[in-house]
N, C-alpha and C. Protein backbone atom coordinates (compact mmCIF):
# COMPACT_ATOMS: atom_id res chain seq x y z
N MET A 1 39.27 -41.85 59.41
CA MET A 1 39.07 -42.24 60.79
C MET A 1 39.72 -43.60 61.05
N GLU A 2 39.55 -44.45 60.07
CA GLU A 2 40.14 -45.78 60.19
C GLU A 2 41.67 -45.69 60.27
N ALA A 3 42.25 -44.75 59.53
CA ALA A 3 43.70 -44.56 59.55
C ALA A 3 44.15 -44.09 60.92
N LEU A 4 43.36 -43.27 61.58
CA LEU A 4 43.70 -42.76 62.91
C LEU A 4 43.73 -43.91 63.92
N VAL A 5 42.75 -44.78 63.87
CA VAL A 5 42.69 -45.92 64.78
C VAL A 5 43.87 -46.85 64.52
N GLN A 6 44.18 -47.07 63.24
CA GLN A 6 45.33 -47.93 62.87
C GLN A 6 46.63 -47.33 63.40
N GLY A 7 46.75 -46.01 63.28
CA GLY A 7 47.96 -45.35 63.78
C GLY A 7 48.09 -45.47 65.29
N LEU A 8 46.98 -45.34 65.97
CA LEU A 8 47.00 -45.46 67.43
C LEU A 8 47.40 -46.87 67.86
N LEU A 9 46.88 -47.84 67.18
CA LEU A 9 47.23 -49.22 67.53
C LEU A 9 48.72 -49.48 67.26
N THR A 10 49.22 -48.93 66.19
CA THR A 10 50.63 -49.10 65.88
C THR A 10 51.48 -48.43 66.95
N LEU A 11 51.09 -47.26 67.38
CA LEU A 11 51.82 -46.51 68.40
C LEU A 11 51.81 -47.27 69.73
N VAL A 12 50.68 -47.81 70.07
CA VAL A 12 50.56 -48.56 71.32
C VAL A 12 51.45 -49.79 71.27
N ALA A 13 51.47 -50.45 70.15
CA ALA A 13 52.28 -51.65 70.02
C ALA A 13 53.77 -51.31 70.06
N ALA A 14 54.13 -50.20 69.48
CA ALA A 14 55.54 -49.82 69.43
C ALA A 14 56.01 -49.31 70.79
N SER A 15 55.17 -48.66 71.53
CA SER A 15 55.60 -48.11 72.80
C SER A 15 55.69 -49.19 73.88
N GLY A 16 54.99 -50.28 73.73
CA GLY A 16 55.04 -51.37 74.70
C GLY A 16 56.34 -52.16 74.52
N GLY A 17 56.76 -52.90 75.52
CA GLY A 17 57.96 -53.71 75.38
C GLY A 17 58.12 -54.57 76.61
N ASP A 18 59.22 -55.19 76.69
CA ASP A 18 59.49 -55.98 77.87
C ASP A 18 59.99 -55.06 78.97
N HIS A 19 59.31 -55.01 80.10
CA HIS A 19 59.73 -54.21 81.25
C HIS A 19 59.84 -55.10 82.47
N GLY A 20 60.34 -56.10 82.42
CA GLY A 20 60.59 -56.87 83.64
C GLY A 20 60.22 -58.30 83.47
N GLY A 21 60.27 -59.07 84.28
CA GLY A 21 60.22 -60.45 84.57
C GLY A 21 59.81 -61.37 83.47
N GLY A 22 59.68 -61.00 82.29
CA GLY A 22 59.43 -61.94 81.22
C GLY A 22 58.04 -62.50 81.24
N HIS A 23 57.20 -61.82 81.89
CA HIS A 23 55.83 -62.33 81.94
C HIS A 23 55.07 -62.06 80.65
N GLY A 24 55.56 -61.21 79.81
CA GLY A 24 54.89 -60.86 78.57
C GLY A 24 53.85 -59.80 78.75
N ASP A 25 53.94 -59.09 79.89
CA ASP A 25 53.00 -57.97 80.08
C ASP A 25 53.38 -56.83 79.17
N HIS A 26 52.44 -56.30 78.64
CA HIS A 26 52.67 -55.14 77.79
C HIS A 26 52.31 -53.91 78.57
N HIS A 27 53.22 -53.00 78.51
CA HIS A 27 53.00 -51.74 79.20
C HIS A 27 52.60 -50.68 78.18
N VAL A 28 51.56 -49.98 78.41
CA VAL A 28 51.06 -48.96 77.49
C VAL A 28 51.45 -47.62 78.06
N ASP A 29 52.02 -46.79 77.18
CA ASP A 29 52.38 -45.43 77.58
C ASP A 29 51.17 -44.55 77.31
N TRP A 30 50.41 -44.40 78.36
CA TRP A 30 49.14 -43.67 78.21
C TRP A 30 49.35 -42.21 77.93
N PHE A 31 50.43 -41.67 78.37
CA PHE A 31 50.72 -40.26 78.10
C PHE A 31 50.92 -40.05 76.60
N ALA A 32 51.66 -40.93 75.99
CA ALA A 32 51.91 -40.82 74.55
C ALA A 32 50.60 -41.01 73.77
N VAL A 33 49.78 -41.97 74.22
CA VAL A 33 48.50 -42.21 73.54
C VAL A 33 47.60 -40.99 73.74
N GLY A 34 47.55 -40.45 74.91
CA GLY A 34 46.72 -39.27 75.21
C GLY A 34 47.17 -38.06 74.43
N SER A 35 48.49 -37.82 74.37
CA SER A 35 48.99 -36.67 73.63
C SER A 35 48.73 -36.84 72.14
N MET A 36 48.81 -38.06 71.67
CA MET A 36 48.53 -38.31 70.26
C MET A 36 47.06 -38.03 69.95
N ILE A 37 46.18 -38.48 70.82
CA ILE A 37 44.75 -38.24 70.64
C ILE A 37 44.46 -36.75 70.73
N PHE A 38 45.09 -36.09 71.71
CA PHE A 38 44.92 -34.65 71.88
C PHE A 38 45.38 -33.91 70.61
N ASN A 39 46.55 -34.28 70.09
CA ASN A 39 47.07 -33.63 68.88
C ASN A 39 46.13 -33.87 67.68
N ALA A 40 45.60 -35.08 67.59
CA ALA A 40 44.69 -35.39 66.48
C ALA A 40 43.41 -34.58 66.59
N VAL A 41 42.85 -34.51 67.84
CA VAL A 41 41.62 -33.73 68.05
C VAL A 41 41.90 -32.27 67.76
N LEU A 42 43.03 -31.76 68.24
CA LEU A 42 43.42 -30.36 68.02
C LEU A 42 43.60 -30.09 66.52
N PHE A 43 44.27 -30.99 65.81
CA PHE A 43 44.52 -30.82 64.37
C PHE A 43 43.19 -30.82 63.60
N PHE A 44 42.36 -31.83 63.90
CA PHE A 44 41.08 -31.89 63.18
C PHE A 44 40.14 -30.77 63.58
N GLY A 45 40.19 -30.33 64.80
CA GLY A 45 39.40 -29.18 65.24
C GLY A 45 39.83 -27.92 64.53
N PHE A 46 41.18 -27.69 64.43
CA PHE A 46 41.71 -26.52 63.70
C PHE A 46 41.34 -26.60 62.22
N LEU A 47 41.47 -27.79 61.68
CA LEU A 47 41.13 -28.01 60.26
C LEU A 47 39.64 -27.70 60.03
N ALA A 48 38.76 -28.18 60.94
CA ALA A 48 37.33 -27.94 60.83
C ALA A 48 37.04 -26.45 60.98
N TYR A 49 37.75 -25.77 61.91
CA TYR A 49 37.55 -24.33 62.13
C TYR A 49 37.91 -23.54 60.88
N LYS A 50 39.01 -23.85 60.24
CA LYS A 50 39.47 -23.14 59.05
C LYS A 50 38.65 -23.53 57.80
N ALA A 51 38.28 -24.78 57.70
CA ALA A 51 37.58 -25.26 56.51
C ALA A 51 36.08 -25.04 56.58
N LYS A 52 35.55 -24.73 57.79
CA LYS A 52 34.12 -24.60 57.97
C LYS A 52 33.51 -23.54 57.05
N PRO A 53 34.06 -22.31 56.93
CA PRO A 53 33.44 -21.32 56.03
C PRO A 53 33.42 -21.78 54.58
N ALA A 54 34.53 -22.37 54.13
CA ALA A 54 34.58 -22.82 52.74
C ALA A 54 33.60 -23.96 52.51
N ILE A 55 33.54 -24.89 53.45
CA ILE A 55 32.61 -26.00 53.33
C ILE A 55 31.17 -25.51 53.41
N ALA A 56 30.92 -24.56 54.36
CA ALA A 56 29.56 -24.01 54.50
C ALA A 56 29.15 -23.27 53.23
N ASP A 57 30.08 -22.47 52.67
CA ASP A 57 29.78 -21.76 51.42
C ASP A 57 29.52 -22.74 50.28
N GLY A 58 30.34 -23.77 50.20
CA GLY A 58 30.16 -24.78 49.16
C GLY A 58 28.83 -25.50 49.30
N LEU A 59 28.50 -25.87 50.54
CA LEU A 59 27.23 -26.56 50.77
C LEU A 59 26.04 -25.63 50.50
N LEU A 60 26.19 -24.35 50.91
CA LEU A 60 25.13 -23.37 50.65
C LEU A 60 24.96 -23.15 49.14
N SER A 61 26.09 -23.03 48.45
CA SER A 61 26.05 -22.87 47.00
C SER A 61 25.41 -24.09 46.36
N ARG A 62 25.79 -25.25 46.82
CA ARG A 62 25.23 -26.49 46.31
C ARG A 62 23.73 -26.54 46.58
N ARG A 63 23.34 -26.12 47.77
CA ARG A 63 21.91 -26.10 48.13
C ARG A 63 21.15 -25.13 47.22
N ASN A 64 21.72 -23.93 47.02
CA ASN A 64 21.06 -22.94 46.16
C ASN A 64 20.93 -23.44 44.72
N THR A 65 21.98 -24.09 44.24
CA THR A 65 21.95 -24.66 42.89
C THR A 65 20.87 -25.72 42.79
N MET A 66 20.80 -26.56 43.81
CA MET A 66 19.79 -27.61 43.81
C MET A 66 18.38 -27.01 43.89
N VAL A 67 18.22 -25.94 44.68
CA VAL A 67 16.91 -25.27 44.78
C VAL A 67 16.52 -24.69 43.42
N GLN A 68 17.51 -24.03 42.75
CA GLN A 68 17.24 -23.46 41.42
C GLN A 68 16.86 -24.56 40.43
N ARG A 69 17.61 -25.63 40.45
CA ARG A 69 17.31 -26.73 39.53
C ARG A 69 15.94 -27.33 39.83
N LEU A 70 15.62 -27.43 41.10
CA LEU A 70 14.32 -27.96 41.49
C LEU A 70 13.21 -27.03 41.02
N GLU A 71 13.40 -25.71 41.19
CA GLU A 71 12.41 -24.74 40.73
C GLU A 71 12.26 -24.81 39.20
N GLU A 72 13.39 -24.90 38.50
CA GLU A 72 13.34 -25.01 37.04
C GLU A 72 12.62 -26.28 36.63
N ALA A 73 12.93 -27.35 37.33
CA ALA A 73 12.28 -28.62 37.02
C ALA A 73 10.78 -28.52 37.27
N GLN A 74 10.38 -27.83 38.36
CA GLN A 74 8.96 -27.67 38.64
C GLN A 74 8.28 -26.81 37.57
N LYS A 75 8.98 -25.74 37.13
CA LYS A 75 8.43 -24.90 36.05
C LYS A 75 8.25 -25.71 34.78
N LYS A 76 9.30 -26.48 34.44
CA LYS A 76 9.23 -27.29 33.23
C LYS A 76 8.12 -28.33 33.34
N GLN A 77 7.98 -28.90 34.54
CA GLN A 77 6.93 -29.88 34.74
C GLN A 77 5.56 -29.22 34.60
N ALA A 78 5.42 -28.00 35.15
CA ALA A 78 4.15 -27.28 35.03
C ALA A 78 3.85 -26.96 33.56
N GLU A 79 4.89 -26.52 32.82
CA GLU A 79 4.71 -26.24 31.39
C GLU A 79 4.33 -27.51 30.64
N ALA A 80 5.02 -28.60 30.97
CA ALA A 80 4.72 -29.87 30.30
C ALA A 80 3.30 -30.32 30.62
N GLU A 81 2.89 -30.16 31.87
CA GLU A 81 1.52 -30.53 32.25
C GLU A 81 0.51 -29.65 31.53
N SER A 82 0.84 -28.35 31.39
CA SER A 82 -0.03 -27.43 30.67
C SER A 82 -0.16 -27.85 29.21
N ARG A 83 0.98 -28.14 28.58
CA ARG A 83 0.95 -28.60 27.18
C ARG A 83 0.20 -29.92 27.05
N LEU A 84 0.43 -30.80 28.03
CA LEU A 84 -0.26 -32.09 28.01
C LEU A 84 -1.77 -31.89 28.10
N ALA A 85 -2.19 -30.98 28.98
CA ALA A 85 -3.62 -30.70 29.10
C ALA A 85 -4.16 -30.09 27.81
N GLU A 86 -3.38 -29.18 27.21
CA GLU A 86 -3.79 -28.55 25.95
C GLU A 86 -3.92 -29.60 24.85
N TYR A 87 -2.93 -30.48 24.75
CA TYR A 87 -2.97 -31.52 23.72
C TYR A 87 -4.10 -32.51 24.00
N ALA A 88 -4.33 -32.80 25.26
CA ALA A 88 -5.43 -33.70 25.60
C ALA A 88 -6.76 -33.06 25.20
N HIS A 89 -6.89 -31.75 25.47
CA HIS A 89 -8.11 -31.03 25.08
C HIS A 89 -8.26 -31.04 23.56
N LYS A 90 -7.17 -30.78 22.85
CA LYS A 90 -7.22 -30.80 21.38
C LYS A 90 -7.57 -32.20 20.88
N LEU A 91 -6.99 -33.20 21.52
CA LEU A 91 -7.25 -34.58 21.12
C LEU A 91 -8.71 -34.94 21.36
N GLU A 92 -9.25 -34.47 22.49
CA GLU A 92 -10.65 -34.74 22.79
C GLU A 92 -11.56 -34.08 21.76
N HIS A 93 -11.18 -32.91 21.30
CA HIS A 93 -12.01 -32.15 20.36
C HIS A 93 -11.51 -32.27 18.92
N LEU A 94 -10.69 -33.27 18.66
CA LEU A 94 -10.12 -33.46 17.33
C LEU A 94 -11.21 -33.74 16.30
N GLU A 95 -12.14 -34.61 16.66
CA GLU A 95 -13.21 -34.94 15.74
C GLU A 95 -14.05 -33.70 15.43
N GLU A 96 -14.30 -32.89 16.45
CA GLU A 96 -15.07 -31.66 16.24
C GLU A 96 -14.30 -30.71 15.31
N GLU A 97 -12.99 -30.61 15.54
CA GLU A 97 -12.16 -29.73 14.71
C GLU A 97 -12.13 -30.23 13.27
N VAL A 98 -12.00 -31.53 13.09
CA VAL A 98 -12.00 -32.11 11.74
C VAL A 98 -13.35 -31.85 11.08
N ALA A 99 -14.43 -32.05 11.83
CA ALA A 99 -15.77 -31.81 11.28
C ALA A 99 -15.93 -30.34 10.90
N ARG A 100 -15.42 -29.45 11.73
CA ARG A 100 -15.51 -28.01 11.44
C ARG A 100 -14.73 -27.68 10.17
N ILE A 101 -13.54 -28.25 10.04
CA ILE A 101 -12.72 -27.98 8.85
C ILE A 101 -13.40 -28.55 7.60
N VAL A 102 -13.96 -29.76 7.73
CA VAL A 102 -14.65 -30.37 6.59
C VAL A 102 -15.84 -29.51 6.19
N LYS A 103 -16.62 -29.04 7.18
CA LYS A 103 -17.77 -28.19 6.87
C LYS A 103 -17.32 -26.91 6.19
N SER A 104 -16.22 -26.37 6.67
CA SER A 104 -15.69 -25.14 6.08
C SER A 104 -15.32 -25.37 4.62
N TYR A 105 -14.62 -26.47 4.35
CA TYR A 105 -14.24 -26.78 2.97
C TYR A 105 -15.47 -27.07 2.11
N GLU A 106 -16.45 -27.75 2.67
CA GLU A 106 -17.67 -28.03 1.92
C GLU A 106 -18.40 -26.74 1.59
N ALA A 107 -18.45 -25.81 2.56
CA ALA A 107 -19.10 -24.52 2.31
C ALA A 107 -18.36 -23.75 1.23
N GLU A 108 -17.03 -23.77 1.28
CA GLU A 108 -16.24 -23.10 0.25
C GLU A 108 -16.48 -23.75 -1.11
N ALA A 109 -16.54 -25.07 -1.14
CA ALA A 109 -16.77 -25.78 -2.40
C ALA A 109 -18.15 -25.44 -2.95
N ALA A 110 -19.16 -25.41 -2.08
CA ALA A 110 -20.51 -25.08 -2.52
C ALA A 110 -20.56 -23.65 -3.06
N ALA A 111 -19.89 -22.72 -2.37
CA ALA A 111 -19.84 -21.33 -2.84
C ALA A 111 -19.13 -21.24 -4.18
N ASP A 112 -18.02 -21.97 -4.31
CA ASP A 112 -17.29 -21.98 -5.59
C ASP A 112 -18.17 -22.56 -6.70
N GLN A 113 -18.88 -23.63 -6.40
CA GLN A 113 -19.74 -24.27 -7.40
C GLN A 113 -20.85 -23.30 -7.80
N ALA A 114 -21.47 -22.64 -6.83
CA ALA A 114 -22.54 -21.68 -7.15
C ALA A 114 -21.99 -20.54 -8.00
N ARG A 115 -20.83 -20.04 -7.65
CA ARG A 115 -20.21 -18.95 -8.42
C ARG A 115 -19.89 -19.41 -9.84
N MET A 116 -19.37 -20.64 -9.95
CA MET A 116 -19.06 -21.17 -11.28
C MET A 116 -20.34 -21.35 -12.11
N GLU A 117 -21.43 -21.80 -11.47
CA GLU A 117 -22.70 -21.96 -12.18
C GLU A 117 -23.22 -20.60 -12.65
N GLN A 118 -23.11 -19.58 -11.80
CA GLN A 118 -23.53 -18.23 -12.19
C GLN A 118 -22.68 -17.72 -13.35
N ASP A 119 -21.38 -17.91 -13.24
CA ASP A 119 -20.49 -17.48 -14.33
C ASP A 119 -20.82 -18.21 -15.62
N THR A 120 -21.12 -19.51 -15.51
CA THR A 120 -21.46 -20.29 -16.70
C THR A 120 -22.76 -19.78 -17.31
N GLU A 121 -23.77 -19.51 -16.45
CA GLU A 121 -25.04 -18.99 -16.95
C GLU A 121 -24.84 -17.64 -17.64
N LYS A 122 -24.06 -16.78 -17.03
CA LYS A 122 -23.79 -15.47 -17.63
C LYS A 122 -23.08 -15.63 -18.97
N ALA A 123 -22.10 -16.54 -19.01
CA ALA A 123 -21.36 -16.77 -20.25
C ALA A 123 -22.29 -17.33 -21.33
N LEU A 124 -23.19 -18.25 -20.94
CA LEU A 124 -24.13 -18.82 -21.90
C LEU A 124 -25.09 -17.74 -22.42
N GLU A 125 -25.58 -16.88 -21.51
CA GLU A 125 -26.47 -15.80 -21.92
C GLU A 125 -25.75 -14.86 -22.89
N ARG A 126 -24.53 -14.50 -22.56
CA ARG A 126 -23.75 -13.61 -23.43
C ARG A 126 -23.51 -14.27 -24.79
N LEU A 127 -23.15 -15.55 -24.76
CA LEU A 127 -22.92 -16.29 -26.00
C LEU A 127 -24.20 -16.36 -26.83
N ALA A 128 -25.35 -16.58 -26.17
CA ALA A 128 -26.64 -16.63 -26.88
C ALA A 128 -26.94 -15.27 -27.51
N ARG A 129 -26.74 -14.18 -26.76
CA ARG A 129 -26.97 -12.83 -27.31
C ARG A 129 -26.06 -12.57 -28.50
N GLU A 130 -24.77 -12.91 -28.34
CA GLU A 130 -23.83 -12.70 -29.44
C GLU A 130 -24.20 -13.55 -30.65
N SER A 131 -24.63 -14.79 -30.39
CA SER A 131 -25.03 -15.68 -31.49
C SER A 131 -26.26 -15.11 -32.20
N ASP A 132 -27.25 -14.66 -31.41
CA ASP A 132 -28.45 -14.06 -32.02
C ASP A 132 -28.08 -12.85 -32.87
N PHE A 133 -27.22 -12.00 -32.33
CA PHE A 133 -26.80 -10.80 -33.07
C PHE A 133 -26.08 -11.20 -34.36
N THR A 134 -25.17 -12.16 -34.25
CA THR A 134 -24.42 -12.62 -35.42
C THR A 134 -25.37 -13.24 -36.45
N ILE A 135 -26.32 -14.03 -35.98
CA ILE A 135 -27.29 -14.66 -36.90
C ILE A 135 -28.11 -13.58 -37.61
N LYS A 136 -28.57 -12.57 -36.85
CA LYS A 136 -29.36 -11.49 -37.45
C LYS A 136 -28.54 -10.74 -38.50
N GLN A 137 -27.27 -10.47 -38.14
CA GLN A 137 -26.40 -9.77 -39.08
C GLN A 137 -26.18 -10.60 -40.34
N GLU A 138 -25.91 -11.87 -40.16
CA GLU A 138 -25.69 -12.75 -41.30
C GLU A 138 -26.97 -12.89 -42.12
N PHE A 139 -28.10 -12.93 -41.44
CA PHE A 139 -29.39 -13.01 -42.14
C PHE A 139 -29.60 -11.77 -42.99
N LYS A 140 -29.31 -10.58 -42.41
CA LYS A 140 -29.44 -9.33 -43.16
C LYS A 140 -28.52 -9.32 -44.37
N LYS A 141 -27.27 -9.76 -44.16
CA LYS A 141 -26.31 -9.82 -45.27
C LYS A 141 -26.82 -10.77 -46.35
N ALA A 142 -27.28 -11.93 -45.93
CA ALA A 142 -27.78 -12.92 -46.89
C ALA A 142 -29.01 -12.37 -47.63
N GLU A 143 -29.87 -11.67 -46.90
CA GLU A 143 -31.07 -11.08 -47.51
C GLU A 143 -30.68 -10.05 -48.57
N LYS A 144 -29.66 -9.21 -48.24
CA LYS A 144 -29.20 -8.22 -49.20
C LYS A 144 -28.61 -8.90 -50.44
N VAL A 145 -27.81 -9.93 -50.19
CA VAL A 145 -27.19 -10.65 -51.31
C VAL A 145 -28.26 -11.29 -52.17
N ILE A 146 -29.25 -11.91 -51.53
CA ILE A 146 -30.33 -12.58 -52.26
C ILE A 146 -31.14 -11.56 -53.06
N ARG A 147 -31.44 -10.40 -52.41
CA ARG A 147 -32.20 -9.36 -53.11
C ARG A 147 -31.42 -8.85 -54.30
N ALA A 148 -30.11 -8.59 -54.05
CA ALA A 148 -29.28 -8.08 -55.15
C ALA A 148 -29.24 -9.09 -56.28
N ALA A 149 -29.10 -10.38 -55.92
CA ALA A 149 -29.06 -11.43 -56.94
C ALA A 149 -30.41 -11.52 -57.65
N ALA A 150 -31.50 -11.38 -56.88
CA ALA A 150 -32.85 -11.44 -57.46
C ALA A 150 -33.07 -10.26 -58.41
N VAL A 151 -32.65 -9.07 -57.96
CA VAL A 151 -32.79 -7.89 -58.80
C VAL A 151 -31.97 -8.06 -60.07
N ALA A 152 -30.71 -8.50 -59.89
CA ALA A 152 -29.84 -8.69 -61.06
C ALA A 152 -30.45 -9.72 -62.00
N ALA A 153 -30.96 -10.81 -61.46
CA ALA A 153 -31.56 -11.85 -62.29
C ALA A 153 -32.82 -11.32 -62.98
N THR A 154 -33.61 -10.55 -62.27
CA THR A 154 -34.84 -9.98 -62.84
C THR A 154 -34.52 -9.02 -63.95
N VAL A 155 -33.51 -8.16 -63.70
CA VAL A 155 -33.11 -7.19 -64.72
C VAL A 155 -32.60 -7.92 -65.94
N GLU A 156 -31.79 -8.92 -65.74
CA GLU A 156 -31.23 -9.68 -66.86
C GLU A 156 -32.35 -10.38 -67.63
N LEU A 157 -33.26 -10.97 -66.88
CA LEU A 157 -34.37 -11.67 -67.51
C LEU A 157 -35.25 -10.67 -68.29
N ALA A 158 -35.49 -9.51 -67.68
CA ALA A 158 -36.31 -8.49 -68.35
C ALA A 158 -35.59 -7.99 -69.60
N GLU A 159 -34.32 -7.83 -69.50
CA GLU A 159 -33.53 -7.37 -70.66
C GLU A 159 -33.61 -8.38 -71.80
N GLN A 160 -33.49 -9.65 -71.39
CA GLN A 160 -33.57 -10.71 -72.41
C GLN A 160 -34.96 -10.72 -73.06
N LEU A 161 -35.99 -10.55 -72.24
CA LEU A 161 -37.35 -10.55 -72.76
C LEU A 161 -37.58 -9.36 -73.69
N VAL A 162 -37.07 -8.23 -73.24
CA VAL A 162 -37.27 -7.02 -74.03
C VAL A 162 -36.51 -7.17 -75.34
N THR A 163 -35.27 -7.69 -75.25
CA THR A 163 -34.46 -7.83 -76.44
C THR A 163 -35.12 -8.82 -77.40
N ARG A 164 -35.69 -9.85 -76.94
CA ARG A 164 -36.31 -10.85 -77.79
C ARG A 164 -37.65 -10.36 -78.39
N ARG A 165 -38.40 -9.59 -77.68
CA ARG A 165 -39.74 -9.24 -78.10
C ARG A 165 -39.84 -7.86 -78.77
N ILE A 166 -38.85 -7.07 -78.66
CA ILE A 166 -38.95 -5.73 -79.24
C ILE A 166 -38.83 -5.82 -80.77
N THR A 167 -39.61 -5.08 -81.42
CA THR A 167 -39.59 -5.08 -82.89
C THR A 167 -39.03 -3.76 -83.37
N ASP A 168 -38.84 -3.66 -84.70
CA ASP A 168 -38.31 -2.41 -85.26
C ASP A 168 -39.32 -1.29 -85.06
N ALA A 169 -40.54 -1.57 -85.13
CA ALA A 169 -41.57 -0.55 -84.96
C ALA A 169 -41.54 -0.04 -83.53
N ASP A 170 -41.34 -0.97 -82.57
CA ASP A 170 -41.28 -0.57 -81.16
C ASP A 170 -40.06 0.31 -80.92
N GLN A 171 -38.98 0.01 -81.57
CA GLN A 171 -37.75 0.81 -81.39
C GLN A 171 -37.97 2.21 -81.96
N ARG A 172 -38.61 2.34 -83.08
CA ARG A 172 -38.88 3.65 -83.67
C ARG A 172 -39.81 4.45 -82.77
N ARG A 173 -40.83 3.84 -82.32
CA ARG A 173 -41.77 4.53 -81.44
C ARG A 173 -41.06 4.99 -80.18
N LEU A 174 -40.20 4.20 -79.55
CA LEU A 174 -39.47 4.58 -78.33
C LEU A 174 -38.52 5.73 -78.64
N THR A 175 -37.89 5.71 -79.77
CA THR A 175 -36.96 6.77 -80.15
C THR A 175 -37.74 8.07 -80.35
N ASP A 176 -38.85 8.01 -80.97
CA ASP A 176 -39.66 9.21 -81.20
C ASP A 176 -40.13 9.78 -79.86
N ASN A 177 -40.55 8.94 -78.97
CA ASN A 177 -41.00 9.40 -77.65
C ASN A 177 -39.84 10.06 -76.89
N TYR A 178 -38.73 9.51 -77.03
CA TYR A 178 -37.54 10.04 -76.33
C TYR A 178 -37.21 11.42 -76.89
N ILE A 179 -37.22 11.57 -78.15
CA ILE A 179 -36.90 12.86 -78.78
C ILE A 179 -37.96 13.89 -78.41
N ARG A 180 -39.20 13.53 -78.41
CA ARG A 180 -40.26 14.43 -78.01
C ARG A 180 -40.06 14.91 -76.58
N ASP A 181 -39.68 14.02 -75.72
CA ASP A 181 -39.45 14.38 -74.31
C ASP A 181 -38.27 15.31 -74.20
N LEU A 182 -37.29 15.16 -75.04
CA LEU A 182 -36.15 16.05 -75.01
C LEU A 182 -36.53 17.44 -75.50
N ASP A 183 -37.36 17.50 -76.50
CA ASP A 183 -37.79 18.78 -77.01
C ASP A 183 -38.63 19.53 -75.98
N LYS A 184 -39.41 18.86 -75.23
CA LYS A 184 -40.24 19.49 -74.21
C LYS A 184 -39.39 20.09 -73.12
N ASN A 185 -38.35 19.47 -72.80
CA ASN A 185 -37.50 19.95 -71.72
C ASN A 185 -36.63 21.05 -72.25
C-alpha cells in the first residue's frame, strides 16, 4: 500500500511542470491520477477476485488444522489431567498401599515360618523314630553278640572244668553208658 502511495506521489510530481508565468504553480493532471487509481483498484480487485478462492481454501485449511490441533491438545490435556488425578490418588493412598504390601509380605513370611516349623517337627519326629529303630536293632545285635560270647565263654569254661576234674574212672563210666545206650537203640 505504501508503494502505491509513493508511486502516486511520483506520478503527480512528474506530471506537474511550469505552465505559465513563473509563479511556481504546480498543475496536477487529475485525469492521469484518476486513471492510475482506477487501474490500481481494478488490478487489485481482479487479483482479489482470482485469489479469493485459493486464499479462502488456505485459510479454511489453516482453520481446520488449528481446530484439529486444538482438539488434540484438549484430548492430551484431558488424558494428562486424568493421569495426574490417578497419580494423585495413588500418591494419597501410597502409605496404605505400602502398608498392604508389608502386611502381605509379613503374612507370607509367617506362613513360610509356620510351614518350616511343621516340616522341622516332622523331620525331627521321623529322625527320632529312625533313631529309636536303629538303637533297638543295634541293641538286639549287641544282645545276640553278648549272648553268643557268653555261651561261648560258658562252654569253654565248662569244658575246662570238665577237662580238669574228670578222672579215668569217670571216663570209663561215661564210655560204658554210651555203649549201653547204643546197644539199646
